[in-house]
Amino acid sequence: MPYRWTQSNIHDINEWLVSKKVSKLQFFFGLVNYYYKFVQGDS
């Protein structure tokens, strides 16, 4: 079943704080890269 976006979801994402520390961004992109292989066929 595909994920359904709601106004609440979109609002919450827009309210996320943006990190300006390189190490935190590298960690985030590392997680995205790791989990990408699991969801690659589902998108």
Protein backbone atom coordinates (compact mmCIF):
# COMPACT_ATOMS: atom_id res chain seq x y z
CA MET A 1 0.00 0.00 0.00
CA PRO A 2 1.51 3.38 -0.97
CA TYR A 3 2.12 6.02 1.65
CA ARG A 4 -0.49 8.75 1.73
CA TRP A 5 0.70 12.29 2.42
CA THR A 6 -1.45 14.44 4.65
CA GLN A 7 -1.27 18.15 5.41
CA SER A 8 0.00 17.23 8.88
CA ASN A 9 2.89 15.23 7.41
CA ILE A 10 3.86 18.06 5.08
CA HIS A 11 3.65 20.62 7.88
CA ASP A 12 5.86 18.50 10.16
CA ILE A 13 8.51 18.10 7.44
CA ASN A 14 8.53 21.83 6.75
CA GLU A 15 9.11 22.51 10.45
CA TRP A 16 12.26 20.35 10.69
CA LEU A 17 15.35 22.23 11.76
CA VAL A 18 18.14 22.29 9.20
CA SER A 19 21.49 21.16 10.54
CA LYS A 20 24.52 23.18 9.54
CA LYS A 21 27.09 20.76 10.95
CA VAL A 22 28.81 18.71 8.26
CA SER A 23 29.16 15.64 10.47
CA LYS A 24 25.40 15.48 11.11
CA LEU A 25 24.64 15.85 7.41
CA GLN A 26 27.14 13.10 6.55
CA PHE A 27 25.49 10.83 9.13
CA PHE A 28 22.03 11.53 7.69
CA PHE A 29 23.11 10.88 4.10
CA GLY A 30 24.87 7.70 5.23
CA LEU A 31 21.60 6.41 6.68
CA VAL A 32 19.70 7.38 3.54
CA ASN A 33 22.24 5.57 1.40
CA TYR A 34 22.08 2.45 3.60
CA TYR A 35 18.27 2.20 3.61
CA TYR A 36 17.95 3.09 -0.09
CA LYS A 37 18.83 -0.46 -1.10
CA PHE A 38 15.91 -1.81 0.95
CA VAL A 39 13.27 0.50 -0.52
CA GLN A 40 14.69 0.85 -4.03
CA GLY A 41 12.21 -1.58 -5.60
CA ASP A 42 9.26 -0.26 -3.57
CA SER A 43 9.28 3.30 -4.86
